[in-house]
């Protein structure tokens, strides 16, 4: 893992035309088995009378150090201000929300799964995606009768006998593919591991803000409790009581 000063993490949340760098508390969830990533933002300062937030406003969460920010979440508001269970909170989901709200009524002739998915993504306004290049049989006709784009993905699995879930990672849609990993991050006992404990069927490793971390990556762990290379199942970014960002990484033993 590249050595750098990790004492003063930066955070920036852009919602529509507004940019917040303070007065906020954040928690985002990204899980390999979940159909979508989501997050909750709490305003710790009274912004309600100063800003206007609407459902579907774009949300971009960026984390980093020394002013160098990296986008860790791209999505949209589910509802406007006070849209969560508590006051001064909002809930946002990744761009799967756009697919949920896109209705499709069409008949596809002599098509492959990828052709149908590209059309669904285009109708939802999604331009960044990566699909598997696996060749599937051409179907002579696939009728879609007023379904959401998410339902169309399920229909594709049924017709072709495929088990791909499909989902977004940092604003890019992946189906049968995952992002390339440039390096394996290393987490070492007494160096960059804050805590490591069992959490139900998985291990939970808590460390400082690691903006590049995402599910489906490989990590190397060196700790008296467990050592090895593991695949990340889930990542949670959280603002703790001191205002610092913590990264919770969940993985299973082989």
C-alpha atoms as a PDB file:
ATOM      1  CA  UNK A   1       0.000   0.000   0.000  1.00  0.00           C
ATOM      2  CA  UNK A   2       1.355   3.380  -0.906  1.00  0.00           C
ATOM      3  CA  UNK A   3       2.621   5.316   2.108  1.00  0.00           C
ATOM      4  CA  UNK A   4       1.028   8.717   2.639  1.00  0.00           C
ATOM      5  CA  UNK A   5      -0.059  11.015   5.427  1.00  0.00           C
ATOM      6  CA  UNK A   6      -3.576   9.973   6.396  1.00  0.00           C
ATOM      7  CA  UNK A   7      -4.294  12.286   9.320  1.00  0.00           C
ATOM      8  CA  UNK A   8      -6.493  15.016   7.820  1.00  0.00           C
ATOM      9  CA  UNK A   9      -9.002  13.524   5.393  1.00  0.00           C
ATOM     10  CA  UNK A  10     -11.065  15.764   3.132  1.00  0.00           C
ATOM     11  CA  UNK A  11     -14.722  15.271   2.315  1.00  0.00           C
ATOM     12  CA  UNK A  12     -16.934  16.936  -0.275  1.00  0.00           C
ATOM     13  CA  UNK A  13     -20.546  16.202  -1.129  1.00  0.00           C
ATOM     14  CA  UNK A  14     -22.129  17.801  -4.174  1.00  0.00           C
ATOM     15  CA  UNK A  15     -25.930  17.703  -4.384  1.00  0.00           C
ATOM     16  CA  UNK A  16     -27.288  19.376  -7.488  1.00  0.00           C
ATOM     17  CA  UNK A  17     -25.823  22.886  -7.511  1.00  0.00           C
ATOM     18  CA  UNK A  18     -24.700  22.790  -3.873  1.00  0.00           C
ATOM     19  CA  UNK A  19     -21.308  21.737  -2.511  1.00  0.00           C
ATOM     20  CA  UNK A  20     -20.823  20.820   1.159  1.00  0.00           C
ATOM     21  CA  UNK A  21     -17.443  20.448   2.820  1.00  0.00           C
ATOM     22  CA  UNK A  22     -18.515  20.883   6.438  1.00  0.00           C
ATOM     23  CA  UNK A  23     -21.654  20.765   8.501  1.00  0.00           C
ATOM     24  CA  UNK A  24     -22.388  17.214   7.326  1.00  0.00           C
ATOM     25  CA  UNK A  25     -22.185  13.657   8.632  1.00  0.00           C
ATOM     26  CA  UNK A  26     -21.963  10.840   6.092  1.00  0.00           C
ATOM     27  CA  UNK A  27     -22.530   7.104   5.814  1.00  0.00           C
ATOM     28  CA  UNK A  28     -22.433   5.169   2.532  1.00  0.00           C
ATOM     29  CA  UNK A  29     -22.949   1.458   1.892  1.00  0.00           C
ATOM     30  CA  UNK A  30     -21.580  -0.548  -1.020  1.00  0.00           C
ATOM     31  CA  UNK A  31     -22.088  -4.326  -1.077  1.00  0.00           C
ATOM     32  CA  UNK A  32     -21.376  -6.882  -3.764  1.00  0.00           C
ATOM     33  CA  UNK A  33     -24.631  -8.788  -3.181  1.00  0.00           C
ATOM     34  CA  UNK A  34     -26.826  -5.686  -2.957  1.00  0.00           C
ATOM     35  CA  UNK A  35     -28.618  -4.512  -6.132  1.00  0.00           C
ATOM     36  CA  UNK A  36     -27.621  -0.917  -5.375  1.00  0.00           C
ATOM     37  CA  UNK A  37     -25.330   1.250  -3.239  1.00  0.00           C
ATOM     38  CA  UNK A  38     -26.897   3.834  -0.998  1.00  0.00           C
ATOM     39  CA  UNK A  39     -26.067   6.411   1.634  1.00  0.00           C
ATOM     40  CA  UNK A  40     -27.387   8.759   4.275  1.00  0.00           C
ATOM     41  CA  UNK A  41     -26.296  12.372   4.785  1.00  0.00           C
ATOM     42  CA  UNK A  42     -27.091  14.279   7.966  1.00  0.00           C
ATOM     43  CA  UNK A  43     -26.842  18.057   8.018  1.00  0.00           C
ATOM     44  CA  UNK A  44     -25.284  19.079  11.318  1.00  0.00           C
ATOM     45  CA  UNK A  45     -25.825  22.745  10.460  1.00  0.00           C
ATOM     46  CA  UNK A  46     -29.276  24.266   9.691  1.00  0.00           C
ATOM     47  CA  UNK A  47     -29.358  24.360   5.885  1.00  0.00           C
ATOM     48  CA  UNK A  48     -33.062  23.674   5.382  1.00  0.00           C
ATOM     49  CA  UNK A  49     -34.098  27.306   4.886  1.00  0.00           C
ATOM     50  CA  UNK A  50     -31.060  28.063   2.715  1.00  0.00           C
ATOM     51  CA  UNK A  51     -31.102  25.292   0.109  1.00  0.00           C
ATOM     52  CA  UNK A  52     -33.629  23.551  -2.122  1.00  0.00           C
ATOM     53  CA  UNK A  53     -33.086  19.836  -2.659  1.00  0.00           C
ATOM     54  CA  UNK A  54     -35.315  17.794  -4.938  1.00  0.00           C
ATOM     55  CA  UNK A  55     -35.768  14.079  -5.547  1.00  0.00           C
ATOM     56  CA  UNK A  56     -33.460  12.807  -8.323  1.00  0.00           C
ATOM     57  CA  UNK A  57     -30.859  15.582  -7.792  1.00  0.00           C
ATOM     58  CA  UNK A  58     -27.427  14.160  -8.576  1.00  0.00           C
ATOM     59  CA  UNK A  59     -25.223  13.320  -5.596  1.00  0.00           C
ATOM     60  CA  UNK A  60     -21.439  12.992  -5.818  1.00  0.00           C
ATOM     61  CA  UNK A  61     -19.455  12.053  -2.698  1.00  0.00           C
ATOM     62  CA  UNK A  62     -15.709  12.657  -2.865  1.00  0.00           C
ATOM     63  CA  UNK A  63     -13.029  11.779  -0.314  1.00  0.00           C
ATOM     64  CA  UNK A  64      -9.314  12.407  -0.239  1.00  0.00           C
ATOM     65  CA  UNK A  65      -6.322  14.016   1.414  1.00  0.00           C
ATOM     66  CA  UNK A  66      -4.523  17.327   0.999  1.00  0.00           C
ATOM     67  CA  UNK A  67      -7.156  18.633  -1.405  1.00  0.00           C
ATOM     68  CA  UNK A  68      -6.834  15.669  -3.793  1.00  0.00           C
ATOM     69  CA  UNK A  69     -10.342  14.270  -4.012  1.00  0.00           C
ATOM     70  CA  UNK A  70     -11.604  11.021  -5.498  1.00  0.00           C
ATOM     71  CA  UNK A  71     -15.237  10.263  -6.273  1.00  0.00           C
ATOM     72  CA  UNK A  72     -16.429   7.347  -4.128  1.00  0.00           C
ATOM     73  CA  UNK A  73     -20.178   7.548  -4.797  1.00  0.00           C
ATOM     74  CA  UNK A  74     -22.293   8.829  -7.681  1.00  0.00           C
ATOM     75  CA  UNK A  75     -26.071   8.662  -7.512  1.00  0.00           C
ATOM     76  CA  UNK A  76     -29.290  10.556  -6.953  1.00  0.00           C
ATOM     77  CA  UNK A  77     -31.490  11.729  -4.113  1.00  0.00           C
ATOM     78  CA  UNK A  78     -34.399   9.456  -3.290  1.00  0.00           C
ATOM     79  CA  UNK A  79     -36.353  12.344  -1.782  1.00  0.00           C
ATOM     80  CA  UNK A  80     -35.731  16.002  -0.952  1.00  0.00           C
ATOM     81  CA  UNK A  81     -34.644  17.563   2.336  1.00  0.00           C
ATOM     82  CA  UNK A  82     -35.837  15.593   5.417  1.00  0.00           C
ATOM     83  CA  UNK A  83     -36.231  12.642   3.086  1.00  0.00           C
ATOM     84  CA  UNK A  84     -34.926  10.111   5.621  1.00  0.00           C
ATOM     85  CA  UNK A  85     -36.315   8.860   8.931  1.00  0.00           C
ATOM     86  CA  UNK A  86     -34.936  11.829  10.858  1.00  0.00           C
ATOM     87  CA  UNK A  87     -35.043  15.568  10.294  1.00  0.00           C
ATOM     88  CA  UNK A  88     -32.127  17.200   8.468  1.00  0.00           C
ATOM     89  CA  UNK A  89     -31.277  13.926   6.732  1.00  0.00           C
ATOM     90  CA  UNK A  90     -31.402  12.772   3.127  1.00  0.00           C
ATOM     91  CA  UNK A  91     -31.155   9.343   1.526  1.00  0.00           C
ATOM     92  CA  UNK A  92     -29.459   8.756  -1.811  1.00  0.00           C
ATOM     93  CA  UNK A  93     -28.998   5.721  -4.034  1.00  0.00           C
ATOM     94  CA  UNK A  94     -26.639   5.003  -6.874  1.00  0.00           C
ATOM     95  CA  UNK A  95     -27.737   5.297 -10.493  1.00  0.00           C
ATOM     96  CA  UNK A  96     -29.729   2.089 -10.230  1.00  0.00           C
ATOM     97  CA  UNK A  97     -32.440   4.527  -9.164  1.00  0.00           C
ATOM     98  CA  UNK A  98     -32.508   5.787 -12.763  1.00  0.00           C
ATOM     99  CA  UNK A  99     -32.978   2.249 -14.050  1.00  0.00           C
ATOM    100  CA  UNK A 100     -35.786   1.666 -11.563  1.00  0.00           C
ATOM    101  CA  UNK A 101     -37.597   4.734 -12.872  1.00  0.00           C
ATOM    102  CA  UNK A 102     -37.077   3.971 -16.574  1.00  0.00           C
ATOM    103  CA  UNK A 103     -40.006   2.134 -18.179  1.00  0.00           C
ATOM    104  CA  UNK A 104     -39.423   0.013 -21.268  1.00  0.00           C
ATOM    105  CA  UNK A 105     -41.989  -1.275 -23.737  1.00  0.00           C
ATOM    106  CA  UNK A 106     -40.396  -2.868 -26.778  1.00  0.00           C
ATOM    107  CA  UNK A 107     -39.928  -6.014 -28.803  1.00  0.00           C
ATOM    108  CA  UNK A 108     -36.327  -6.974 -29.533  1.00  0.00           C
ATOM    109  CA  UNK A 109     -35.691  -9.029 -32.683  1.00  0.00           C
ATOM    110  CA  UNK A 110     -32.680 -11.318 -33.187  1.00  0.00           C
ATOM    111  CA  UNK A 111     -30.992  -9.913 -30.085  1.00  0.00           C
ATOM    112  CA  UNK A 112     -28.362 -10.732 -27.483  1.00  0.00           C
ATOM    113  CA  UNK A 113     -28.460  -9.777 -23.774  1.00  0.00           C
ATOM    114  CA  UNK A 114     -25.895  -7.036 -24.354  1.00  0.00           C
ATOM    115  CA  UNK A 115     -28.010  -5.395 -27.073  1.00  0.00           C
ATOM    116  CA  UNK A 116     -31.045  -5.223 -24.820  1.00  0.00           C
ATOM    117  CA  UNK A 117     -28.993  -3.885 -21.902  1.00  0.00           C
ATOM    118  CA  UNK A 118     -27.378  -1.179 -24.033  1.00  0.00           C
ATOM    119  CA  UNK A 119     -30.809  -0.037 -25.167  1.00  0.00           C
ATOM    120  CA  UNK A 120     -32.107   0.025 -21.570  1.00  0.00           C
ATOM    121  CA  UNK A 121     -29.088   2.000 -20.403  1.00  0.00           C
ATOM    122  CA  UNK A 122     -29.495   4.486 -23.228  1.00  0.00           C
ATOM    123  CA  UNK A 123     -33.155   5.025 -22.345  1.00  0.00           C
ATOM    124  CA  UNK A 124     -32.108   5.664 -18.711  1.00  0.00           C
ATOM    125  CA  UNK A 125     -29.448   8.171 -19.782  1.00  0.00           C
ATOM    126  CA  UNK A 126     -26.547   5.936 -18.715  1.00  0.00           C
ATOM    127  CA  UNK A 127     -23.522   6.349 -20.994  1.00  0.00           C
ATOM    128  CA  UNK A 128     -20.742   4.736 -18.923  1.00  0.00           C
ATOM    129  CA  UNK A 129     -20.896   0.967 -18.703  1.00  0.00           C
ATOM    130  CA  UNK A 130     -18.891  -2.214 -19.088  1.00  0.00           C
ATOM    131  CA  UNK A 131     -20.556  -5.452 -20.196  1.00  0.00           C
ATOM    132  CA  UNK A 132     -19.116  -8.937 -20.440  1.00  0.00           C
ATOM    133  CA  UNK A 133     -17.903  -9.907 -23.907  1.00  0.00           C
ATOM    134  CA  UNK A 134     -19.164 -13.467 -23.428  1.00  0.00           C
ATOM    135  CA  UNK A 135     -21.132 -14.571 -26.490  1.00  0.00           C
ATOM    136  CA  UNK A 136     -24.705 -15.681 -25.841  1.00  0.00           C
ATOM    137  CA  UNK A 137     -27.202 -17.263 -28.258  1.00  0.00           C
ATOM    138  CA  UNK A 138     -29.247 -14.852 -30.365  1.00  0.00           C
ATOM    139  CA  UNK A 139     -32.925 -14.925 -29.437  1.00  0.00           C
ATOM    140  CA  UNK A 140     -35.362 -14.469 -32.343  1.00  0.00           C
ATOM    141  CA  UNK A 141     -37.767 -12.329 -30.285  1.00  0.00           C
ATOM    142  CA  UNK A 142     -37.821 -10.897 -26.763  1.00  0.00           C
ATOM    143  CA  UNK A 143     -40.960  -8.909 -25.883  1.00  0.00           C
ATOM    144  CA  UNK A 144     -40.802  -6.452 -22.990  1.00  0.00           C
ATOM    145  CA  UNK A 145     -44.212  -5.329 -21.780  1.00  0.00           C
ATOM    146  CA  UNK A 146     -43.929  -2.089 -19.799  1.00  0.00           C
ATOM    147  CA  UNK A 147     -41.215  -3.083 -17.338  1.00  0.00           C
ATOM    148  CA  UNK A 148     -38.610  -1.080 -15.472  1.00  0.00           C
ATOM    149  CA  UNK A 149     -35.043  -1.402 -16.712  1.00  0.00           C
ATOM    150  CA  UNK A 150     -34.236  -3.327 -13.514  1.00  0.00           C
ATOM    151  CA  UNK A 151     -37.003  -5.809 -14.294  1.00  0.00           C
ATOM    152  CA  UNK A 152     -35.601  -6.160 -17.803  1.00  0.00           C
ATOM    153  CA  UNK A 153     -32.258  -7.250 -16.327  1.00  0.00           C
ATOM    154  CA  UNK A 154     -34.080  -9.974 -14.379  1.00  0.00           C
ATOM    155  CA  UNK A 155     -35.965 -11.018 -17.520  1.00  0.00           C
ATOM    156  CA  UNK A 156     -32.651 -11.377 -19.374  1.00  0.00           C
ATOM    157  CA  UNK A 157     -31.329 -13.685 -16.651  1.00  0.00           C
ATOM    158  CA  UNK A 158     -34.446 -15.850 -16.918  1.00  0.00           C
ATOM    159  CA  UNK A 159     -34.410 -16.086 -20.709  1.00  0.00           C
ATOM    160  CA  UNK A 160     -30.696 -16.816 -21.132  1.00  0.00           C
ATOM    161  CA  UNK A 161     -30.176 -18.648 -17.827  1.00  0.00           C
ATOM    162  CA  UNK A 162     -27.648 -16.106 -16.574  1.00  0.00           C
ATOM    163  CA  UNK A 163     -26.934 -15.222 -12.949  1.00  0.00           C
ATOM    164  CA  UNK A 164     -25.459 -11.733 -13.373  1.00  0.00           C
ATOM    165  CA  UNK A 165     -26.932  -9.134 -11.058  1.00  0.00           C
ATOM    166  CA  UNK A 166     -25.485  -6.022 -12.664  1.00  0.00           C
ATOM    167  CA  UNK A 167     -24.867  -2.818 -10.787  1.00  0.00           C
ATOM    168  CA  UNK A 168     -23.039   0.484 -10.522  1.00  0.00           C
ATOM    169  CA  UNK A 169     -19.618   1.160  -9.082  1.00  0.00           C
ATOM    170  CA  UNK A 170     -18.784   4.859  -8.873  1.00  0.00           C
ATOM    171  CA  UNK A 171     -21.265   5.799 -11.563  1.00  0.00           C
ATOM    172  CA  UNK A 172     -20.282   3.103 -14.066  1.00  0.00           C
ATOM    173  CA  UNK A 173     -22.644   0.196 -14.772  1.00  0.00           C
ATOM    174  CA  UNK A 174     -21.060  -3.286 -14.739  1.00  0.00           C
ATOM    175  CA  UNK A 175     -22.732  -6.470 -15.976  1.00  0.00           C
ATOM    176  CA  UNK A 176     -20.665  -9.632 -15.869  1.00  0.00           C
ATOM    177  CA  UNK A 177     -17.562  -7.527 -15.317  1.00  0.00           C
ATOM    178  CA  UNK A 178     -15.747  -5.709 -12.534  1.00  0.00           C
ATOM    179  CA  UNK A 179     -13.357  -2.721 -12.549  1.00  0.00           C
ATOM    180  CA  UNK A 180      -9.675  -3.392 -13.138  1.00  0.00           C
ATOM    181  CA  UNK A 181      -7.579  -3.368  -9.977  1.00  0.00           C
ATOM    182  CA  UNK A 182      -4.184  -1.678 -10.285  1.00  0.00           C
ATOM    183  CA  UNK A 183      -2.781  -2.712  -6.922  1.00  0.00           C
ATOM    184  CA  UNK A 184      -3.635  -4.822  -3.896  1.00  0.00           C
ATOM    185  CA  UNK A 185      -3.931  -2.648  -0.805  1.00  0.00           C
ATOM    186  CA  UNK A 186      -2.238  -3.980   2.306  1.00  0.00           C
ATOM    187  CA  UNK A 187      -3.596  -3.643   5.848  1.00  0.00           C
ATOM    188  CA  UNK A 188      -1.190  -4.423   8.677  1.00  0.00           C
ATOM    189  CA  UNK A 189      -1.687  -4.869  12.415  1.00  0.00           C
ATOM    190  CA  UNK A 190      -0.515  -1.876  14.486  1.00  0.00           C
ATOM    191  CA  UNK A 191       0.041   0.175  11.314  1.00  0.00           C
ATOM    192  CA  UNK A 192      -3.140   1.002   9.417  1.00  0.00           C
ATOM    193  CA  UNK A 193      -5.719  -1.288  11.033  1.00  0.00           C
ATOM    194  CA  UNK A 194      -7.850   0.443  13.677  1.00  0.00           C
ATOM    195  CA  UNK A 195      -9.795  -2.706  14.556  1.00  0.00           C
ATOM    196  CA  UNK A 196     -10.454  -6.189  13.191  1.00  0.00           C
ATOM    197  CA  UNK A 197     -13.315  -8.319  14.495  1.00  0.00           C
ATOM    198  CA  UNK A 198     -15.828 -10.893  13.391  1.00  0.00           C
ATOM    199  CA  UNK A 199     -19.157  -9.504  12.137  1.00  0.00           C
ATOM    200  CA  UNK A 200     -21.561 -12.419  11.706  1.00  0.00           C
ATOM    201  CA  UNK A 201     -20.186 -14.543   8.846  1.00  0.00           C
ATOM    202  CA  UNK A 202     -17.604 -11.929   7.785  1.00  0.00           C
ATOM    203  CA  UNK A 203     -14.606 -10.085   9.155  1.00  0.00           C
ATOM    204  CA  UNK A 204     -14.912  -6.334   9.696  1.00  0.00           C
ATOM    205  CA  UNK A 205     -11.700  -4.349   9.267  1.00  0.00           C
ATOM    206  CA  UNK A 206     -11.868  -0.682  10.240  1.00  0.00           C
ATOM    207  CA  UNK A 207      -9.249   1.711   8.940  1.00  0.00           C
ATOM    208  CA  UNK A 208      -8.878   5.375   8.005  1.00  0.00           C
ATOM    209  CA  UNK A 209     -10.452   6.946   4.932  1.00  0.00           C
ATOM    210  CA  UNK A 210      -9.396   4.900   1.886  1.00  0.00           C
ATOM    211  CA  UNK A 211     -11.140   6.575  -1.085  1.00  0.00           C
ATOM    212  CA  UNK A 212     -10.015   3.928  -3.593  1.00  0.00           C
ATOM    213  CA  UNK A 213     -11.598   1.055  -1.672  1.00  0.00           C
ATOM    214  CA  UNK A 214     -14.595  -0.696  -3.255  1.00  0.00           C
ATOM    215  CA  UNK A 215     -16.225  -4.114  -3.120  1.00  0.00           C
ATOM    216  CA  UNK A 216     -14.965  -6.995  -5.300  1.00  0.00           C
ATOM    217  CA  UNK A 217     -11.352  -5.840  -4.852  1.00  0.00           C
ATOM    218  CA  UNK A 218      -8.594  -8.015  -3.417  1.00  0.00           C
ATOM    219  CA  UNK A 219      -6.871  -6.869  -0.209  1.00  0.00           C
ATOM    220  CA  UNK A 220      -3.954  -8.244   1.752  1.00  0.00           C
ATOM    221  CA  UNK A 221      -4.391  -8.478   5.546  1.00  0.00           C
ATOM    222  CA  UNK A 222      -1.576  -9.150   8.025  1.00  0.00           C
ATOM    223  CA  UNK A 223      -2.933  -9.539  11.559  1.00  0.00           C
ATOM    224  CA  UNK A 224      -2.546 -11.994  14.483  1.00  0.00           C
ATOM    225  CA  UNK A 225      -6.209 -12.990  14.036  1.00  0.00           C
ATOM    226  CA  UNK A 226      -6.083 -13.662  10.302  1.00  0.00           C
ATOM    227  CA  UNK A 227      -3.602 -13.255   7.446  1.00  0.00           C
ATOM    228  CA  UNK A 228      -3.993 -13.627   3.715  1.00  0.00           C
ATOM    229  CA  UNK A 229      -5.478 -12.162   0.546  1.00  0.00           C
ATOM    230  CA  UNK A 230      -9.241 -11.736   0.559  1.00  0.00           C
ATOM    231  CA  UNK A 231     -12.023 -10.434  -1.682  1.00  0.00           C
ATOM    232  CA  UNK A 232     -13.953  -7.438  -0.340  1.00  0.00           C
ATOM    233  CA  UNK A 233     -17.672  -8.119   0.092  1.00  0.00           C
ATOM    234  CA  UNK A 234     -18.813  -4.775   1.461  1.00  0.00           C
ATOM    235  CA  UNK A 235     -17.441  -1.265   2.115  1.00  0.00           C
ATOM    236  CA  UNK A 236     -18.919   1.381   4.415  1.00  0.00           C
ATOM    237  CA  UNK A 237     -17.634   4.947   4.683  1.00  0.00           C
ATOM    238  CA  UNK A 238     -18.675   6.646   7.929  1.00  0.00           C
ATOM    239  CA  UNK A 239     -18.098   9.973   9.630  1.00  0.00           C
ATOM    240  CA  UNK A 240     -17.267   9.188  13.258  1.00  0.00           C
ATOM    241  CA  UNK A 241     -18.036  11.329  16.322  1.00  0.00           C
ATOM    242  CA  UNK A 242     -14.778  13.214  15.877  1.00  0.00           C
ATOM    243  CA  UNK A 243     -15.627  14.185  12.309  1.00  0.00           C
ATOM    244  CA  UNK A 244     -13.099  11.812  10.727  1.00  0.00           C
ATOM    245  CA  UNK A 245     -13.946   9.392   7.935  1.00  0.00           C
ATOM    246  CA  UNK A 246     -13.574   5.708   8.726  1.00  0.00           C
ATOM    247  CA  UNK A 247     -13.624   2.879   6.190  1.00  0.00           C
ATOM    248  CA  UNK A 248     -15.152  -0.443   7.256  1.00  0.00           C
ATOM    249  CA  UNK A 249     -14.104  -3.327   4.998  1.00  0.00           C
ATOM    250  CA  UNK A 250     -15.913  -6.662   5.150  1.00  0.00           C
ATOM    251  CA  UNK A 251     -14.481  -9.929   3.818  1.00  0.00           C
ATOM    252  CA  UNK A 252     -14.885 -13.682   4.252  1.00  0.00           C
ATOM    253  CA  UNK A 253     -12.367 -16.412   4.895  1.00  0.00           C
ATOM    254  CA  UNK A 254     -11.699 -18.753   2.008  1.00  0.00           C
END
